C-alpha atoms as a PDB file:
ATOM      1  CA  LEU A   1     -81.373 -57.349 107.904  1.00  0.00           C
ATOM      2  CA  PHE A   2     -84.920 -58.057 106.686  1.00  0.00           C
ATOM      3  CA  VAL A   3     -86.753 -55.598 108.730  1.00  0.00           C
ATOM      4  CA  THR A   4     -83.977 -52.717 107.847  1.00  0.00           C
ATOM      5  CA  ASP A   5     -84.673 -53.670 104.165  1.00  0.00           C
ATOM      6  CA  ASN A   6     -88.456 -52.983 104.393  1.00  0.00           C
ATOM      7  CA  ILE A   7     -87.735 -49.604 106.229  1.00  0.00           C
ATOM      8  CA  PHE A   8     -85.592 -48.401 103.502  1.00  0.00           C
ATOM      9  CA  GLY A   9     -88.096 -49.887 100.936  1.00  0.00           C
ATOM     10  CA  LEU A  10     -90.859 -47.997 102.691  1.00  0.00           C
ATOM     11  CA  LEU A  11     -89.005 -44.708 103.062  1.00  0.00           C
ATOM     12  CA  ALA A  12     -87.895 -44.867  99.339  1.00  0.00           C
ATOM     13  CA  LEU A  13     -91.596 -45.387  98.511  1.00  0.00           C
ATOM     14  CA  LEU A  14     -93.183 -42.917 101.120  1.00  0.00           C
ATOM     15  CA  ILE A  15     -90.582 -39.796 100.188  1.00  0.00           C
ATOM     16  CA  PRO A  16     -91.636 -39.736  96.658  1.00  0.00           C
ATOM     17  CA  LEU A  17     -95.259 -40.122  97.279  1.00  0.00           C
ATOM     18  CA  ALA A  18     -95.084 -37.426  99.882  1.00  0.00           C
ATOM     19  CA  MET A  19     -93.319 -35.065  97.661  1.00  0.00           C
ATOM     20  CA  MET A  20     -95.991 -35.651  95.017  1.00  0.00           C
ATOM     21  CA  GLY A  21     -98.554 -35.042  97.396  1.00  0.00           C
ATOM     22  CA  ILE A  22     -97.028 -31.672  98.467  1.00  0.00           C
ATOM     23  CA  GLY A  23     -96.479 -30.541  94.663  1.00  0.00           C
ATOM     24  CA  PHE A  24    -100.216 -31.327  94.002  1.00  0.00           C
ATOM     25  CA  THR A  25    -101.280 -29.462  97.120  1.00  0.00           C
ATOM     26  CA  VAL A  26     -99.194 -26.491  96.155  1.00  0.00           C
ATOM     27  CA  ILE A  27    -100.651 -26.387  92.248  1.00  0.00           C
ATOM     28  CA  TYR A  28    -104.285 -26.474  94.140  1.00  0.00           C
ATOM     29  CA  LEU A  29    -103.361 -23.861  96.600  1.00  0.00           C
ATOM     30  CA  GLU A  30    -101.683 -21.789  94.159  1.00  0.00           C
ATOM     31  CA  MET A  31    -104.696 -21.821  92.185  1.00  0.00           C
ATOM     32  CA  ILE A  32    -107.074 -20.875  94.560  1.00  0.00           C
ATOM     33  CA  GLY A  33    -104.394 -17.884  95.893  1.00  0.00           C
ATOM     34  CA  GLN A  34    -104.486 -16.540  92.042  1.00  0.00           C
ATOM     35  CA  ALA A  35    -108.305 -16.362  92.144  1.00  0.00           C
ATOM     36  CA  VAL A  36    -108.313 -14.424  95.578  1.00  0.00           C
ATOM     37  CA  ARG A  37    -105.474 -12.206  94.141  1.00  0.00           C
ATOM     38  CA  GLN A  38    -107.581 -11.503  91.415  1.00  0.00           C
ATOM     39  CA  GLU A  39    -105.172 -12.435  88.884  1.00  0.00           C
ATOM     40  CA  THR A  40    -106.176 -13.815  85.356  1.00  0.00           C
ATOM     41  CA  SER A  41    -102.376 -13.884  83.722  1.00  0.00           C
ATOM     42  CA  ARG A  42    -100.992 -17.383  84.133  1.00  0.00           C
ATOM     43  CA  GLN A  43     -97.572 -15.626  83.354  1.00  0.00           C
ATOM     44  CA  GLY A  44     -94.939 -16.561  86.300  1.00  0.00           C
ATOM     45  CA  PHE A  45     -97.312 -19.191  87.252  1.00  0.00           C
ATOM     46  CA  VAL A  46     -94.153 -22.056  87.178  1.00  0.00           C
ATOM     47  CA  PRO A  47     -91.957 -19.721  89.068  1.00  0.00           C
ATOM     48  CA  ARG A  48     -94.464 -18.875  92.114  1.00  0.00           C
ATOM     49  CA  ILE A  49     -95.206 -22.580  92.087  1.00  0.00           C
ATOM     50  CA  LEU A  50     -91.550 -23.583  92.705  1.00  0.00           C
ATOM     51  CA  LYS A  51     -90.982 -20.707  95.271  1.00  0.00           C
ATOM     52  CA  ALA A  52     -94.304 -22.010  97.192  1.00  0.00           C
ATOM     53  CA  LEU A  53     -93.401 -25.566  97.093  1.00  0.00           C
ATOM     54  CA  GLY A  54     -89.788 -24.526  98.482  1.00  0.00           C
ATOM     55  CA  THR A  55     -91.437 -22.240 101.064  1.00  0.00           C
ATOM     56  CA  THR A  56     -94.051 -24.768 102.122  1.00  0.00           C
ATOM     57  CA  THR A  57     -91.459 -27.465 102.584  1.00  0.00           C
ATOM     58  CA  ARG A  58     -89.286 -25.160 104.574  1.00  0.00           C
ATOM     59  CA  LEU A  59     -92.515 -24.353 106.689  1.00  0.00           C
ATOM     60  CA  GLY A  60     -93.326 -28.134 107.298  1.00  0.00           C
ATOM     61  CA  LEU A  61     -89.703 -29.007 108.353  1.00  0.00           C
ATOM     62  CA  VAL A  62     -89.568 -25.872 110.735  1.00  0.00           C
ATOM     63  CA  LEU A  63     -92.966 -27.380 112.244  1.00  0.00           C
ATOM     64  CA  LEU A  64     -91.666 -30.930 112.602  1.00  0.00           C
ATOM     65  CA  VAL A  65     -88.642 -29.663 114.184  1.00  0.00           C
ATOM     66  CA  GLY A  66     -90.809 -27.683 116.757  1.00  0.00           C
ATOM     67  CA  VAL A  67     -93.093 -30.546 117.521  1.00  0.00           C
ATOM     68  CA  LEU A  68     -90.062 -32.954 118.025  1.00  0.00           C
ATOM     69  CA  ALA A  69     -88.509 -30.225 120.321  1.00  0.00           C
ATOM     70  CA  LEU A  70     -91.866 -30.007 122.202  1.00  0.00           C
ATOM     71  CA  LEU A  71     -92.615 -33.654 122.294  1.00  0.00           C
ATOM     72  CA  LEU A  72     -89.037 -35.056 123.098  1.00  0.00           C
ATOM     73  CA  PRO A  73     -88.451 -33.498 126.723  1.00  0.00           C
ATOM     74  CA  LEU A  74     -92.231 -33.566 127.392  1.00  0.00           C
ATOM     75  CA  SER A  75     -91.825 -37.668 126.712  1.00  0.00           C
ATOM     76  CA  LEU A  76     -88.832 -37.922 128.738  1.00  0.00           C
ATOM     77  CA  GLY A  77     -90.200 -35.592 131.723  1.00  0.00           C
ATOM     78  CA  ALA A  78     -93.700 -37.662 131.586  1.00  0.00           C
ATOM     79  CA  THR A  79     -91.422 -40.960 131.934  1.00  0.00           C
ATOM     80  CA  LEU A  80     -89.193 -39.776 134.529  1.00  0.00           C
ATOM     81  CA  LEU A  81     -92.508 -38.250 136.779  1.00  0.00           C
ATOM     82  CA  GLY A  82     -94.323 -41.634 136.065  1.00  0.00           C
ATOM     83  CA  VAL A  83     -92.027 -43.258 138.582  1.00  0.00           C
ATOM     84  CA  VAL A  84     -93.247 -40.767 140.996  1.00  0.00           C
ATOM     85  CA  SER A  85     -97.055 -40.353 140.064  1.00  0.00           C
ATOM     86  CA  GLN A  86     -98.955 -41.176 137.388  1.00  0.00           C
ATOM     87  CA  GLY A  87    -101.078 -38.217 137.595  1.00  0.00           C
ATOM     88  CA  LEU A  88     -98.184 -35.708 137.235  1.00  0.00           C
ATOM     89  CA  ALA A  89     -96.980 -37.735 134.313  1.00  0.00           C
ATOM     90  CA  SER A  90    -100.497 -37.355 132.481  1.00  0.00           C
ATOM     91  CA  PHE A  91    -100.995 -33.808 133.329  1.00  0.00           C
ATOM     92  CA  LEU A  92     -97.321 -32.893 131.845  1.00  0.00           C
ATOM     93  CA  LEU A  93     -98.647 -34.749 128.630  1.00  0.00           C
ATOM     94  CA  LEU A  94    -101.864 -33.198 128.506  1.00  0.00           C
ATOM     95  CA  THR A  95    -100.011 -29.900 129.070  1.00  0.00           C
ATOM     96  CA  GLY A  96     -97.983 -30.654 125.949  1.00  0.00           C
ATOM     97  CA  MET A  97    -100.964 -31.511 123.832  1.00  0.00           C
ATOM     98  CA  LEU A  98    -102.647 -28.251 124.809  1.00  0.00           C
ATOM     99  CA  LEU A  99     -99.547 -26.006 123.984  1.00  0.00           C
ATOM    100  CA  MET A 100     -99.344 -27.860 120.529  1.00  0.00           C
ATOM    101  CA  LEU A 101    -102.957 -27.362 119.993  1.00  0.00           C
ATOM    102  CA  TRP A 102    -102.707 -23.636 120.804  1.00  0.00           C
ATOM    103  CA  GLY A 103     -99.530 -23.565 118.631  1.00  0.00           C
ATOM    104  CA  GLY A 104    -101.358 -24.889 115.704  1.00  0.00           C
ATOM    105  CA  LEU A 105    -104.453 -22.554 115.848  1.00  0.00           C
ATOM    106  CA  TYR A 106    -101.828 -19.523 115.744  1.00  0.00           C
ATOM    107  CA  LEU A 107    -100.231 -20.987 112.500  1.00  0.00           C
ATOM    108  CA  SER A 108    -103.830 -21.425 110.999  1.00  0.00           C
ATOM    109  CA  PHE A 109    -102.826 -18.946 108.517  1.00  0.00           C
ATOM    110  CA  ALA A 110     -99.303 -19.686 107.549  1.00  0.00           C
ATOM    111  CA  LEU A 111    -100.303 -21.216 104.323  1.00  0.00           C
ATOM    112  CA  PRO A 112    -102.319 -18.310 103.086  1.00  0.00           C
ATOM    113  CA  ALA A 113     -99.322 -16.173 103.937  1.00  0.00           C
ATOM    114  CA  ILE A 114     -97.482 -18.360 101.501  1.00  0.00           C
ATOM    115  CA  PHE A 115    -100.014 -18.271  98.516  1.00  0.00           C
ATOM    116  CA  ILE A 116    -101.460 -14.633  99.200  1.00  0.00           C
ATOM    117  CA  THR A 117     -98.378 -12.400  99.926  1.00  0.00           C
ATOM    118  CA  GLY A 118     -95.625 -14.910  98.914  1.00  0.00           C
ATOM    119  CA  ALA A 119     -94.305 -14.818 102.315  1.00  0.00           C
ATOM    120  CA  THR A 120     -91.189 -16.924 103.433  1.00  0.00           C
ATOM    121  CA  ALA A 121     -91.635 -19.630 106.059  1.00  0.00           C
ATOM    122  CA  ARG A 122     -90.321 -17.491 108.663  1.00  0.00           C
ATOM    123  CA  GLN A 123     -92.541 -14.351 107.542  1.00  0.00           C
ATOM    124  CA  ALA A 124     -95.766 -16.691 107.200  1.00  0.00           C
ATOM    125  CA  ILE A 125     -95.266 -17.780 110.878  1.00  0.00           C
ATOM    126  CA  LEU A 126     -95.049 -14.345 112.026  1.00  0.00           C
ATOM    127  CA  ASN A 127     -97.749 -12.863 110.069  1.00  0.00           C
ATOM    128  CA  SER A 128     -99.832 -15.814 111.055  1.00  0.00           C
ATOM    129  CA  ILE A 129     -99.212 -15.016 114.719  1.00  0.00           C
ATOM    130  CA  SER A 130     -99.899 -11.146 114.352  1.00  0.00           C
ATOM    131  CA  LEU A 131    -103.312 -11.713 113.264  1.00  0.00           C
ATOM    132  CA  PHE A 132    -104.235 -13.357 116.312  1.00  0.00           C
ATOM    133  CA  ARG A 133    -102.508 -11.013 118.448  1.00  0.00           C
ATOM    134  CA  PHE A 134    -104.025  -7.909 117.124  1.00  0.00           C
ATOM    135  CA  ASP A 135    -107.297  -9.061 116.117  1.00  0.00           C
ATOM    136  CA  PHE A 136    -107.673 -12.324 118.150  1.00  0.00           C
ATOM    137  CA  TRP A 137    -111.664 -12.435 118.449  1.00  0.00           C
ATOM    138  CA  SER A 138    -112.441 -12.277 114.551  1.00  0.00           C
ATOM    139  CA  THR A 139    -109.692 -14.372 113.618  1.00  0.00           C
ATOM    140  CA  MET A 140    -110.599 -16.763 116.369  1.00  0.00           C
ATOM    141  CA  GLY A 141    -114.200 -16.600 115.046  1.00  0.00           C
ATOM    142  CA  LEU A 142    -113.260 -17.633 111.771  1.00  0.00           C
ATOM    143  CA  VAL A 143    -111.052 -20.578 112.642  1.00  0.00           C
ATOM    144  CA  THR A 144    -113.998 -21.745 114.915  1.00  0.00           C
ATOM    145  CA  LEU A 145    -116.440 -21.262 112.148  1.00  0.00           C
ATOM    146  CA  THR A 146    -114.543 -23.052 109.825  1.00  0.00           C
ATOM    147  CA  TYR A 147    -113.661 -25.920 111.763  1.00  0.00           C
ATOM    148  CA  LEU A 148    -117.517 -26.184 112.749  1.00  0.00           C
ATOM    149  CA  ILE A 149    -118.348 -26.204 109.195  1.00  0.00           C
ATOM    150  CA  ARG A 150    -115.946 -28.848 107.926  1.00  0.00           C
ATOM    151  CA  TRP A 151    -116.897 -31.469 111.390  1.00  0.00           C
ATOM    152  CA  GLY A 152    -120.714 -30.798 110.376  1.00  0.00           C
ATOM    153  CA  PHE A 153    -120.250 -31.980 107.052  1.00  0.00           C
ATOM    154  CA  ILE A 154    -118.112 -34.969 108.114  1.00  0.00           C
ATOM    155  CA  ILE A 155    -121.220 -35.999 109.909  1.00  0.00           C
ATOM    156  CA  ILE A 156    -123.791 -35.001 106.493  1.00  0.00           C
ATOM    157  CA  TRP A 157    -121.537 -36.865 104.070  1.00  0.00           C
ATOM    158  CA  GLN A 158    -121.845 -39.827 105.692  1.00  0.00           C
ATOM    159  CA  PHE A 159    -125.624 -40.142 104.898  1.00  0.00           C
ATOM    160  CA  PHE A 160    -124.093 -40.736 101.308  1.00  0.00           C
ATOM    161  CA  ILE A 161    -121.822 -43.222 101.511  1.00  0.00           C
ATOM    162  CA  ASP A 162    -123.769 -46.303 100.887  1.00  0.00           C
ATOM    163  CA  SER A 163    -123.651 -46.301  97.278  1.00  0.00           C
ATOM    164  CA  PRO A 164    -120.867 -45.546  94.756  1.00  0.00           C
ATOM    165  CA  SER A 165    -122.780 -42.551  93.516  1.00  0.00           C
ATOM    166  CA  GLY A 166    -123.207 -41.188  96.962  1.00  0.00           C
ATOM    167  CA  ILE A 167    -119.258 -41.867  97.438  1.00  0.00           C
ATOM    168  CA  VAL A 168    -118.772 -39.720  94.267  1.00  0.00           C
ATOM    169  CA  PHE A 169    -120.990 -36.902  95.904  1.00  0.00           C
ATOM    170  CA  ASP A 170    -119.407 -36.923  98.767  1.00  0.00           C
ATOM    171  CA  ILE A 171    -115.859 -36.516  96.930  1.00  0.00           C
ATOM    172  CA  ILE A 172    -117.089 -33.686  94.839  1.00  0.00           C
ATOM    173  CA  GLY A 173    -119.095 -31.839  97.544  1.00  0.00           C
ATOM    174  CA  ASN A 174    -116.183 -32.208 100.120  1.00  0.00           C
ATOM    175  CA  ALA A 175    -113.887 -30.938  97.247  1.00  0.00           C
ATOM    176  CA  PHE A 176    -116.348 -28.184  96.742  1.00  0.00           C
ATOM    177  CA  LEU A 177    -116.495 -27.067 100.278  1.00  0.00           C
ATOM    178  CA  GLY A 178    -112.618 -27.474 101.237  1.00  0.00           C
ATOM    179  CA  THR A 179    -111.655 -25.051  98.325  1.00  0.00           C
ATOM    180  CA  GLY A 180    -114.681 -22.476  99.660  1.00  0.00           C
ATOM    181  CA  LEU A 181    -113.193 -22.872 102.762  1.00  0.00           C
ATOM    182  CA  MET A 182    -109.431 -22.365 101.716  1.00  0.00           C
ATOM    183  CA  ALA A 183    -110.688 -19.580  99.548  1.00  0.00           C
ATOM    184  CA  ALA A 184    -112.619 -17.834 102.571  1.00  0.00           C
ATOM    185  CA  THR A 185    -109.549 -18.193 104.818  1.00  0.00           C
ATOM    186  CA  MET A 186    -107.116 -16.674 102.053  1.00  0.00           C
ATOM    187  CA  LEU A 187    -109.624 -13.517 101.852  1.00  0.00           C
ATOM    188  CA  TYR A 188    -109.807 -12.948 105.316  1.00  0.00           C
ATOM    189  CA  TYR A 189    -106.133 -13.070 105.524  1.00  0.00           C
ATOM    190  CA  SER A 190    -105.594 -10.851 102.722  1.00  0.00           C
ATOM    191  CA  ASP A 191    -108.319  -8.009 104.279  1.00  0.00           C
ATOM    192  CA  ARG A 192    -106.704  -8.326 107.751  1.00  0.00           C
ATOM    193  CA  MET A 193    -102.957  -8.237 106.424  1.00  0.00           C
ATOM    194  CA  LYS A 194    -104.120  -4.805 104.452  1.00  0.00           C
ATOM    195  CA  TRP A 195    -105.601  -3.735 107.944  1.00  0.00           C
ATOM    196  CA  LEU A 196    -102.569  -4.638 109.884  1.00  0.00           C
ATOM    197  CA  ASP A 197    -100.038  -2.659 107.181  1.00  0.00           C
ATOM    198  CA  ASP A 198    -102.231   0.100 107.562  1.00  0.00           C
ATOM    199  CA  LEU A 199    -102.519   0.166 111.462  1.00  0.00           C
ATOM    200  CA  ARG A 200     -98.611  -0.388 111.531  1.00  0.00           C
ATOM    201  CA  ARG A 201     -98.064   2.405 109.205  1.00  0.00           C
ATOM    202  CA  ARG A 202    -100.068   5.319 111.279  1.00  0.00           C
ATOM    203  CA  ILE A 203     -98.450   4.135 114.517  1.00  0.00           C
ATOM    204  CA  HIS A 204     -95.154   4.593 112.962  1.00  0.00           C
ATOM    205  CA  GLN A 205     -96.763   7.901 111.779  1.00  0.00           C
ATOM    206  CA  HIS A 206     -97.433   8.810 114.944  1.00  0.00           C
ATOM    207  CA  GLN A 207     -94.227   7.844 116.720  1.00  0.00           C
ATOM    208  CA  ALA A 208     -92.610   9.831 114.372  1.00  0.00           C
ATOM    209  CA  GLN A 209     -94.829  13.016 114.866  1.00  0.00           C
ATOM    210  CA  LEU A 210     -94.045  12.445 118.665  1.00  0.00           C
ATOM    211  CA  LYS A 211     -90.357  12.388 118.082  1.00  0.00           C
ATOM    212  CA  GLY A 212     -90.857  15.334 115.910  1.00  0.00           C
END
């Protein structure tokens, strides 16, 4: 009973904190998105925040369900295979991890889709996948460069954590870096989606001409 009470108490604490974290993140991303969209008016800011909050929450739930739908069968399969061969079980788990890594890669632009084009959760997923499908190497290059910059600066920040002023510098520098990288990702998404929409339009026109 004590353990059960602790679990429910922990959930009662974590859920509001998680929602607050999502809310602040949505406001932060919407402010970046507004700058990328080159909007100066604050009119409609609150409705956009509420819409983005709902869409981001739905996207998170979809991804959570997807991960669980992949992990549960893999865990069960690895457990059963482990009776026969630990090597096969490890291979199955490794395959699952690679699938999740690949899926996460293809969904790298789902959040920019929400804050740049106001996409729904489904549209955000499809648009992110479409970028990799139609312009794989450029998109992959940007994602790789972004991760390299992030990990490189993680090493750099460690040189400044020995003093309180260094920690403050790390926090401010990391905030500026994260904002810049997110803005670059949104700019890339906006540019590539315009290119992709134009490409689709020309394909449809060509198909219509062939039918005509």
